[in-house]
Protein backbone atom coordinates (compact mmCIF):
# COMPACT_ATOMS: atom_id res chain seq x y z
CA MET A 1 16.60 4.57 -14.53
CA LYS A 2 14.93 5.59 -11.09
CA LYS A 3 16.60 7.74 -9.30
CA ASN A 4 15.88 7.64 -5.45
CA SER A 5 15.50 10.97 -4.49
CA ARG A 6 14.64 10.50 -0.57
CA LYS A 7 17.47 11.52 1.82
CA THR A 8 18.83 9.58 4.34
CA ILE A 9 18.70 11.45 7.85
CA ASN A 10 20.94 9.01 10.08
CA ARG A 11 19.35 11.19 13.41
CA GLN A 12 18.15 8.89 16.40
CA GLU A 13 16.57 10.71 19.84
CA THR A 14 16.93 8.78 22.40
CA LEU A 15 14.13 9.31 24.97
CA GLU A 16 13.35 7.53 28.67
CA GLY A 17 9.37 6.30 28.91
CA MET A 18 7.73 3.84 30.18
CA MET A 19 6.37 0.87 27.47
CA THR A 20 2.45 -1.08 28.16
CA PHE A 21 2.23 -3.95 26.36
CA GLY A 22 -1.18 -5.06 25.83
CA LEU A 23 -3.80 -7.55 24.04
CA SER A 24 -7.27 -6.04 22.64
CA GLU A 25 -10.61 -7.18 22.21
CA ASN A 26 -10.25 -8.10 18.97
CA GLY A 27 -7.05 -9.69 19.74
CA LEU A 28 -4.48 -7.97 18.08
CA HIS A 29 -1.24 -6.78 20.26
CA THR A 30 -0.33 -3.11 21.52
CA ALA A 31 2.11 -1.28 22.61
CA ASP A 32 2.11 2.35 24.35
CA PHE A 33 5.39 4.28 25.08
CA GLU A 34 4.92 7.36 27.29
CA CYS A 35 7.86 9.88 27.66
CA CYS A 36 9.15 11.12 30.81
CA GLU A 37 11.39 13.94 29.23
CA ASP A 38 10.18 16.94 27.34
CA ALA A 39 10.54 15.95 24.15
CA VAL A 40 10.30 17.97 20.78
CA MET A 41 9.64 15.74 18.02
CA GLU A 42 7.37 15.81 14.63
CA ASP A 43 4.02 13.74 14.64
CA PHE A 44 3.96 10.07 12.11
CA THR A 45 2.13 7.95 11.51
CA ALA A 46 3.37 4.97 9.01
CA ARG A 47 3.46 1.04 8.84
CA CYS A 48 5.63 -0.81 10.80
CA LYS A 49 7.14 -4.31 11.25
CA VAL A 50 7.37 -4.20 14.80
CA GLN A 51 9.71 -7.67 16.65
CA LEU A 52 9.04 -7.19 20.44
CA MET A 53 12.06 -9.80 21.38
CA ARG A 54 12.17 -11.90 23.95
CA ASP A 55 13.69 -10.32 26.34
CA GLY A 56 11.85 -6.80 26.20
CA ASN A 57 14.01 -5.13 23.11
CA MET A 58 11.23 -3.69 21.06
CA TYR A 59 12.77 -3.23 17.09
CA ILE A 60 9.96 -0.83 14.62
CA THR A 61 11.31 -0.08 11.22
CA GLU A 62 8.73 1.37 8.94
CA LEU A 63 8.14 0.36 5.63
CA PRO A 64 8.39 0.85 1.81
CA LYS A 65 5.48 2.66 0.20
CA ARG A 66 3.51 1.26 -1.82
CA VAL A 67 4.27 1.41 -4.97
CA ARG A 68 0.82 1.36 -7.47
CA ASN A 69 0.67 0.42 -10.99
CA LYS A 70 -0.17 3.80 -13.00
CA PRO A 71 -3.14 2.15 -15.36
CA ILE A 72 -2.31 2.09 -19.37
CA PHE A 73 -6.09 1.86 -20.82
CA ARG A 74 -9.63 2.50 -18.58
CA GLU A 75 -12.66 2.18 -19.09
CA ASP A 76 -15.63 3.00 -16.64
CA ASN A 77 -15.47 0.31 -14.13
CA SER A 78 -11.82 -1.15 -15.60
CA SER A 79 -8.52 -0.77 -16.10
CA LEU A 80 -5.43 -2.45 -17.13
CA SER A 81 -2.21 -1.90 -15.63
CA LYS A 82 1.41 -3.78 -16.24
CA GLY A 83 3.00 -4.15 -12.92
CA THR A 84 6.74 -3.92 -11.77
CA ASN A 85 7.22 -7.71 -12.53
CA GLY A 86 5.83 -7.56 -15.82
CA MET A 87 3.03 -8.74 -15.95
CA TYR A 88 -1.00 -7.35 -17.27
CA TYR A 89 -3.23 -6.60 -14.63
CA PHE A 90 -6.58 -6.58 -16.09
CA VAL A 91 -8.68 -4.63 -13.21
CA PHE A 92 -13.12 -5.09 -13.27
CA MET A 93 -14.85 -3.73 -10.46
CA LEU A 94 -18.95 -3.52 -10.23
CA GLU A 95 -21.28 -2.47 -7.05
CA GLU A 96 -23.53 -5.64 -5.18
CA GLU A 97 -26.73 -3.97 -6.69
CA LEU A 98 -25.74 -4.59 -10.40
CA VAL A 99 -24.83 -7.80 -10.14
CA SER A 100 -27.53 -8.14 -13.05
CA LEU A 101 -24.97 -6.41 -15.09
CA LEU A 102 -21.97 -8.09 -14.83
CA PRO A 103 -21.97 -10.09 -17.39
CA GLU A 104 -22.14 -7.40 -20.14
CA LYS A 105 -20.52 -4.65 -18.98
CA LEU A 106 -17.71 -7.48 -17.94
CA ILE A 107 -17.59 -8.66 -21.40
CA SER A 108 -18.06 -4.90 -23.38
CA GLN A 109 -15.66 -3.30 -20.81
CA ALA A 110 -12.54 -6.16 -21.78
CA SER A 111 -13.72 -6.49 -25.56
CA GLU A 112 -13.15 -2.15 -25.43
CA ILE A 113 -9.53 -2.67 -23.55
CA ALA A 114 -8.27 -5.64 -25.88
CA GLN A 115 -9.20 -3.33 -29.32
CA LYS A 116 -6.99 -0.40 -27.68
CA VAL A 117 -4.50 -3.03 -27.11
CA ILE A 118 -4.35 -3.81 -30.76
CA ARG A 119 -4.69 -0.87 -31.90
CA GLU A 120 -2.14 0.66 -29.97
CA LEU A 121 0.30 -2.31 -31.44
CA VAL A 122 -0.83 -1.61 -34.81
CA LYS A 123 1.02 1.73 -34.19
CA ASP A 124 4.74 0.41 -33.31
């Protein structure tokens, strides 16, 4: 079982200021907050869920960090990993300039990983 080592800190800061809402040229929403007080805070950057309500209230919640799958086996352009959902994932990547080599490399690397899986299963 995985332990959660993150400590929960329930510290809130209330600041007075001005918030400006807008729409950028590419159609994305923007919101800028300018504090009117002297505040000393730690800066951070995060991926967040933002809810803007009809009455003008805004709620921002930081999204949890993405958990990446750790590869079980690797080759030059491919890897095999198992996701948290119990599914196995085979990922193959190749530069566009080498597309003529794609069938050969895909077959050889998939075969290599398949042989590694078979060897691992025989061990058990």
